[in-house]
Amino acid sequence: MNLLDIRNLSIELIGQKHDILAVDRVSLTMKEGEVRGLVGESGSGKSLLAQAIIGVLDESRWRVHADRFHWRGQDLLRLPIEERKAIISKDVAMIFQEPIACLDPTTTIGEQLEEAVPESMLYGFFWQKRQQRKKAVIKLLHRVGIKQHTMCINSYPHQLTEALCQRVMIAIALARRPILLIADEPTAAMESTNQGQIFRLLASLNQLKNMSILLISHDLENVTHWTHTITVMYSGQFVEAGTTKQIFTKPYHPYTQALLDSSPKANMHLPAKARLMTLPGSIPILQHLPIGCRLGPRCPRAQKQCVNAPKVKNYHGHQVSCHFSLKDLY
């Protein structure tokens, strides 16, 4: 049984004159203990999809609908909104791109961590619960690799480095013992040393606690070292999905191939100061989305048929949404 099973999820931005389809019929599945990468350029709808899963999108601005939205076999679409949010908030946690901006600047790290510890984990009289909260906070900090817990507990967010703040965000997310952890660009703007520490921490949580992780990133080459499966998005549309080996060694979609071709590893043969291989143009803005396949204006294989949205084709678990995929080249 899949842990998370979403079919044809769409997200519309409610406008004054007309609605804008920001995410167009994207499907996503997660199994227990799986680490799945969700990859695409900035503006491809990755964060929107993650926020729709945990139910934090402003309902006055966004409209979310799907053919299927199952969590551990339970159809959440048939439940009232309050019950749906209660289930997701209990089992799913998310860490965001900018940890310092997400932490409360007016309270200490210790106070914020104590607030995150659920009441269900505490027992006894109220004076006993206070001590239990402090012990739980120290245990959480040790769990994410922060050994100097006293310094961290008494500090405010601006007094810590970005890497430490990200670890604190992970500790807050782990306080409720989630089954699925969504990590939205967890190492953005970090040095390579700190990036490796955060990724190793997430990998250890997956291996030791069997925690499922949805790892959102714009760097396809980087996530291949840490994921089991990968889903690629472009401009709010599903592009390709498969095992990490399938995506990295035999990509079927021109966009996935372009992401791999633009990586530093693929361009090591280029002379100094030479341009990396990239697709022409840039990702379209929401107000001017192309019809059909949204990659069409930038795609080197585009033809007249691409004005119609392609259907998803499945090749033994390797899925691709393209009229003229690269499958025949292998």
Protein backbone atom coordinates (compact mmCIF):
# COMPACT_ATOMS: atom_id res chain seq x y z
CA MET A 1 0.00 0.00 0.00
CA ASN A 2 1.22 3.48 -0.87
CA LEU A 3 1.75 5.94 1.96
CA LEU A 4 0.66 8.89 -0.19
CA ASP A 5 -1.27 8.46 -3.44
CA ILE A 6 -2.23 11.60 -5.36
CA ARG A 7 -3.77 11.49 -8.83
CA ASN A 8 -4.22 14.48 -11.14
CA LEU A 9 -3.86 17.19 -8.52
CA SER A 10 -4.45 20.70 -9.85
CA ILE A 11 -3.91 24.04 -8.11
CA GLU A 12 -5.60 27.18 -9.42
CA LEU A 13 -4.76 30.74 -8.52
CA ILE A 14 -8.04 32.60 -8.11
CA GLY A 15 -7.88 35.82 -10.14
CA GLN A 16 -10.18 38.80 -10.56
CA LYS A 17 -10.91 38.12 -14.24
CA HIS A 18 -10.00 34.45 -14.63
CA ASP A 19 -8.29 31.66 -12.70
CA ILE A 20 -4.73 30.56 -13.51
CA LEU A 21 -3.86 26.86 -13.52
CA ALA A 22 -0.54 26.95 -11.64
CA VAL A 23 -0.24 23.16 -11.20
CA ASP A 24 -1.82 21.04 -13.93
CA ARG A 25 -2.88 17.45 -13.13
CA VAL A 26 0.26 16.27 -11.33
CA SER A 27 0.36 12.77 -9.80
CA LEU A 28 2.63 11.72 -6.95
CA THR A 29 3.03 8.53 -4.92
CA MET A 30 5.14 7.81 -1.84
CA LYS A 31 5.85 4.45 -0.22
CA GLU A 32 6.84 3.85 3.39
CA GLY A 33 10.57 4.35 3.88
CA GLU A 34 11.00 5.94 0.44
CA VAL A 35 13.11 9.01 -0.30
CA ARG A 36 11.65 10.70 -3.39
CA GLY A 37 13.18 13.71 -5.07
CA LEU A 38 10.90 16.39 -6.54
CA VAL A 39 13.00 18.32 -9.04
CA GLY A 40 12.51 21.31 -11.33
CA GLU A 41 13.51 24.91 -11.96
CA SER A 42 12.38 27.68 -9.64
CA GLY A 43 8.75 28.42 -10.51
CA SER A 44 7.91 24.87 -11.56
CA GLY A 45 5.32 24.43 -8.79
CA LYS A 46 7.26 22.13 -6.45
CA SER A 47 6.66 24.19 -3.30
CA LEU A 48 3.01 24.78 -4.25
CA LEU A 49 2.50 21.04 -4.53
CA ALA A 50 4.13 20.45 -1.13
CA GLN A 51 2.02 23.18 0.51
CA ALA A 52 -1.12 21.67 -1.01
CA ILE A 53 -0.22 18.29 0.51
CA ILE A 54 0.09 19.68 4.04
CA GLY A 55 -2.90 22.01 3.54
CA VAL A 56 -1.37 25.41 4.26
CA LEU A 57 -2.41 27.20 1.06
CA ASP A 58 -4.69 30.20 1.55
CA GLU A 59 -8.14 28.98 0.45
CA SER A 60 -9.18 32.51 -0.49
CA ARG A 61 -6.41 32.66 -3.11
CA TRP A 62 -5.87 29.04 -4.16
CA ARG A 63 -8.25 26.28 -5.23
CA VAL A 64 -7.01 22.67 -4.94
CA HIS A 65 -8.73 19.63 -6.43
CA ALA A 66 -7.65 16.11 -7.36
CA ASP A 67 -9.08 12.86 -8.71
CA ARG A 68 -7.55 11.01 -5.76
CA PHE A 69 -5.89 12.08 -2.52
CA HIS A 70 -5.22 9.02 -0.38
CA TRP A 71 -3.16 8.95 2.80
CA ARG A 72 -2.38 5.41 4.02
CA GLY A 73 -5.38 4.13 2.08
CA GLN A 74 -7.79 6.73 3.47
CA ASP A 75 -9.55 9.02 1.01
CA LEU A 76 -8.95 12.49 2.46
CA LEU A 77 -11.15 14.20 -0.14
CA ARG A 78 -14.24 12.65 1.47
CA LEU A 79 -13.39 14.01 4.90
CA PRO A 80 -14.25 17.48 6.24
CA ILE A 81 -11.40 19.99 5.97
CA GLU A 82 -10.82 20.00 9.75
CA GLU A 83 -10.42 16.20 9.90
CA ARG A 84 -8.17 16.20 6.83
CA LYS A 85 -5.86 18.83 8.34
CA ALA A 86 -5.78 16.98 11.68
CA ILE A 87 -4.60 13.77 9.99
CA ILE A 88 -1.98 15.49 7.83
CA SER A 89 -0.63 17.71 10.63
CA LYS A 90 -0.18 14.62 12.83
CA ASP A 91 1.58 12.42 10.26
CA VAL A 92 3.30 14.90 7.91
CA ALA A 93 5.85 17.62 8.71
CA MET A 94 7.61 20.13 6.49
CA ILE A 95 10.85 22.08 6.68
CA PHE A 96 11.02 25.24 4.58
CA GLN A 97 13.65 26.94 2.42
CA GLU A 98 14.62 29.82 4.73
CA PRO A 99 14.85 28.54 8.32
CA ILE A 100 15.73 31.91 9.89
CA ALA A 101 12.64 33.52 8.32
CA CYS A 102 10.41 30.67 9.56
CA LEU A 103 11.56 30.80 13.20
CA ASP A 104 10.06 33.33 15.61
CA PRO A 105 12.69 36.08 16.16
CA THR A 106 11.13 37.18 19.48
CA THR A 107 11.45 33.89 21.38
CA THR A 108 14.38 31.61 22.15
CA ILE A 109 15.02 28.36 20.34
CA GLY A 110 14.25 26.44 23.54
CA GLU A 111 10.80 28.04 23.88
CA GLN A 112 9.95 27.28 20.25
CA LEU A 113 11.05 23.66 20.60
CA GLU A 114 9.08 23.22 23.83
CA GLU A 115 5.98 24.53 22.08
CA ALA A 116 6.46 21.93 19.31
CA VAL A 117 6.51 18.97 21.74
CA PRO A 118 2.97 17.47 21.62
CA GLU A 119 0.97 17.13 24.83
CA SER A 120 0.33 13.44 24.08
CA MET A 121 4.01 12.67 24.77
CA LEU A 122 3.80 14.04 28.32
CA TYR A 123 2.32 12.47 31.45
CA GLY A 124 1.90 13.10 35.18
CA PHE A 125 1.34 16.41 36.97
CA PHE A 126 1.99 19.80 35.38
CA TRP A 127 5.32 20.32 37.22
CA GLN A 128 6.49 16.95 35.88
CA LYS A 129 5.48 17.82 32.33
CA ARG A 130 7.67 20.94 32.32
CA GLN A 131 10.75 18.86 33.09
CA GLN A 132 9.71 16.30 30.48
CA ARG A 133 9.47 19.02 27.86
CA LYS A 134 13.01 20.20 28.59
CA LYS A 135 14.35 16.64 28.34
CA ALA A 136 12.45 16.14 25.07
CA VAL A 137 13.96 19.34 23.64
CA ILE A 138 17.51 18.26 24.54
CA LYS A 139 16.87 14.83 23.01
CA LEU A 140 15.58 16.42 19.79
CA LEU A 141 18.65 18.67 19.50
CA HIS A 142 21.00 15.73 20.04
CA ARG A 143 19.04 13.77 17.43
CA VAL A 144 19.74 16.38 14.76
CA GLY A 145 23.42 16.60 15.67
CA ILE A 146 23.46 19.69 17.92
CA LYS A 147 25.66 18.74 20.86
CA GLN A 148 25.91 22.20 22.51
CA HIS A 149 22.24 22.16 23.44
CA THR A 150 22.50 24.72 26.28
CA MET A 151 23.89 27.40 23.98
CA CYS A 152 21.29 26.63 21.31
CA ILE A 153 18.31 26.57 23.72
CA ASN A 154 19.16 30.01 25.13
CA SER A 155 19.83 31.62 21.74
CA TYR A 156 17.54 33.56 19.43
CA PRO A 157 17.38 32.59 15.72
CA HIS A 158 19.53 35.53 14.55
CA GLN A 159 22.33 34.41 16.89
CA LEU A 160 22.72 31.04 15.14
CA THR A 161 24.16 30.14 11.75
CA GLU A 162 21.85 29.19 8.92
CA ALA A 163 22.96 25.56 9.13
CA LEU A 164 22.11 25.44 12.86
CA CYS A 165 18.74 27.07 12.22
CA GLN A 166 18.00 24.43 9.59
CA ARG A 167 18.80 21.70 12.12
CA VAL A 168 16.46 23.41 14.59
CA MET A 169 13.73 23.44 11.94
CA ILE A 170 14.26 19.70 11.42
CA ALA A 171 14.08 19.16 15.20
CA ILE A 172 10.76 21.05 15.33
CA ALA A 173 9.46 18.94 12.45
CA LEU A 174 10.56 15.71 14.21
CA ALA A 175 8.89 16.67 17.50
CA ARG A 176 5.58 15.11 16.41
CA ARG A 177 7.30 12.00 15.05
CA PRO A 178 6.00 12.37 11.48
CA ILE A 179 5.72 9.48 9.06
CA LEU A 180 6.47 11.72 6.06
CA LEU A 181 8.93 14.62 6.11
CA ILE A 182 8.77 17.16 3.28
CA ALA A 183 12.09 19.01 2.88
CA ASP A 184 11.70 22.06 0.63
CA GLU A 185 15.17 23.09 -0.59
CA PRO A 186 16.68 22.27 2.83
CA THR A 187 20.20 23.32 1.81
CA ALA A 188 19.47 26.43 -0.25
CA ALA A 189 22.25 29.06 -0.02
CA MET A 190 24.37 26.79 2.22
CA GLU A 191 28.03 25.95 1.82
CA SER A 192 28.83 22.50 0.45
CA THR A 193 30.04 21.24 3.86
CA ASN A 194 26.77 22.20 5.55
CA GLN A 195 24.77 20.78 2.64
CA GLY A 196 26.40 17.40 3.11
CA GLN A 197 25.67 17.45 6.85
CA ILE A 198 21.96 18.16 6.31
CA PHE A 199 21.61 15.50 3.62
CA ARG A 200 23.40 12.92 5.78
CA LEU A 201 21.06 13.80 8.66
CA LEU A 202 18.00 13.26 6.46
CA ALA A 203 19.46 9.97 5.17
CA SER A 204 20.03 8.73 8.74
CA LEU A 205 16.42 9.56 9.67
CA ASN A 206 15.27 7.51 6.70
CA GLN A 207 17.52 4.55 7.46
CA LEU A 208 17.17 4.44 11.25
CA LYS A 209 13.55 5.57 11.67
CA ASN A 210 12.17 4.37 8.30
CA MET A 211 10.88 7.91 7.76
CA SER A 212 9.66 8.71 4.25
CA ILE A 213 11.14 11.92 2.82
CA LEU A 214 10.02 14.10 -0.08
CA LEU A 215 13.17 16.04 -1.00
CA ILE A 216 12.44 19.14 -3.09
CA SER A 217 15.33 20.63 -5.05
CA HIS A 218 16.29 22.38 -8.28
CA ASP A 219 19.57 20.43 -8.44
CA LEU A 220 18.93 17.09 -10.14
CA GLU A 221 22.53 15.90 -9.89
CA ASN A 222 22.68 16.54 -6.13
CA VAL A 223 19.49 14.66 -5.19
CA THR A 224 20.56 11.56 -7.11
CA HIS A 225 23.01 10.78 -4.28
CA TRP A 226 20.27 10.66 -1.63
CA THR A 227 17.01 9.50 -3.26
CA HIS A 228 15.44 6.21 -4.33
CA THR A 229 13.03 7.72 -6.86
CA ILE A 230 12.66 11.09 -8.62
CA THR A 231 9.75 13.09 -10.01
CA VAL A 232 10.53 15.95 -12.42
CA MET A 233 8.22 18.95 -12.90
CA TYR A 234 8.27 21.87 -15.30
CA SER A 235 6.01 24.95 -15.11
CA GLY A 236 3.39 23.14 -13.02
CA GLN A 237 3.23 20.03 -15.20
CA PHE A 238 4.44 16.48 -14.60
CA VAL A 239 7.43 15.66 -16.82
CA GLU A 240 8.97 12.36 -15.78
CA ALA A 241 9.21 9.93 -12.87
CA GLY A 242 11.15 6.76 -12.15
CA THR A 243 13.91 5.30 -10.05
CA THR A 244 16.95 7.48 -9.52
CA LYS A 245 19.03 5.18 -11.73
CA GLN A 246 16.46 5.38 -14.56
CA ILE A 247 16.27 9.17 -14.43
CA PHE A 248 20.02 9.71 -14.17
CA THR A 249 21.21 7.16 -16.75
CA LYS A 250 18.34 7.04 -19.27
CA PRO A 251 16.10 10.13 -19.09
CA TYR A 252 13.15 9.91 -21.47
CA HIS A 253 12.08 13.56 -21.43
CA PRO A 254 14.01 16.37 -23.21
CA TYR A 255 13.69 18.58 -20.12
CA THR A 256 15.23 15.97 -17.83
CA GLN A 257 18.04 15.51 -20.34
CA ALA A 258 18.57 19.28 -20.37
CA LEU A 259 18.83 19.36 -16.57
CA LEU A 260 21.49 16.65 -16.65
CA ASP A 261 23.35 18.32 -19.52
CA SER A 262 23.52 21.62 -17.62
CA SER A 263 25.10 20.09 -14.52
CA PRO A 264 28.80 20.83 -13.81
CA LYS A 265 29.66 17.12 -13.97
CA ALA A 266 28.32 16.86 -17.52
CA ASN A 267 30.33 19.92 -18.58
CA MET A 268 33.73 19.03 -17.15
CA HIS A 269 35.15 18.73 -20.68
CA LEU A 270 34.32 22.37 -21.49
CA PRO A 271 37.18 24.91 -21.46
CA ALA A 272 37.39 27.55 -18.73
CA LYS A 273 34.74 30.32 -18.83
CA ALA A 274 32.76 28.47 -21.52
CA ARG A 275 28.96 28.53 -21.32
CA LEU A 276 27.14 25.54 -19.86
CA MET A 277 24.66 23.69 -22.06
CA THR A 278 21.20 25.13 -21.32
CA LEU A 279 17.75 25.35 -22.88
CA PRO A 280 17.00 28.65 -24.60
CA GLY A 281 14.61 31.06 -22.92
CA SER A 282 13.25 30.84 -19.37
CA ILE A 283 10.36 29.26 -17.50
CA PRO A 284 7.06 31.04 -18.38
CA ILE A 285 5.28 33.27 -15.88
CA LEU A 286 1.81 32.31 -14.63
CA GLN A 287 0.09 35.08 -16.64
CA HIS A 288 1.45 33.75 -19.95
CA LEU A 289 1.48 29.95 -19.77
CA PRO A 290 1.80 28.11 -23.12
CA ILE A 291 -1.01 25.81 -24.19
CA GLY A 292 -0.47 22.06 -24.31
CA CYS A 293 3.03 21.03 -23.26
CA ARG A 294 4.44 24.06 -21.45
CA LEU A 295 8.01 23.17 -22.42
CA GLY A 296 7.08 23.54 -26.11
CA PRO A 297 8.55 27.05 -26.75
CA ARG A 298 11.92 25.92 -25.33
CA CYS A 299 11.98 22.26 -26.39
CA PRO A 300 14.43 21.20 -29.14
CA ARG A 301 12.08 18.34 -30.15
CA ALA A 302 8.84 20.36 -30.24
CA GLN A 303 6.41 19.87 -33.14
CA LYS A 304 2.84 20.92 -33.98
CA GLN A 305 1.41 18.09 -31.87
CA CYS A 306 2.88 19.68 -28.73
CA VAL A 307 0.08 22.27 -28.60
CA ASN A 308 -1.94 19.40 -27.08
CA ALA A 309 -1.07 18.23 -23.58
CA PRO A 310 0.70 14.84 -23.79
CA LYS A 311 -0.57 11.80 -21.92
CA VAL A 312 1.58 10.00 -19.36
CA LYS A 313 3.20 6.83 -20.72
CA ASN A 314 4.45 4.10 -18.40
CA TYR A 315 7.43 1.93 -19.35
CA HIS A 316 7.80 -0.62 -16.53
CA GLY A 317 7.53 2.02 -13.80
CA HIS A 318 9.41 4.71 -15.75
CA GLN A 319 6.77 7.35 -16.53
CA VAL A 320 7.12 10.17 -19.04
CA SER A 321 4.78 12.86 -20.35
CA CYS A 322 5.99 13.72 -23.86
CA HIS A 323 4.80 13.29 -27.46
CA PHE A 324 8.35 12.79 -28.70
CA SER A 325 10.25 11.21 -25.82
CA LEU A 326 13.88 10.12 -25.95
CA LYS A 327 13.01 6.46 -25.30
CA ASP A 328 13.64 5.45 -28.92
CA LEU A 329 17.22 6.76 -28.69
CA TYR A 330 18.26 4.09 -26.19
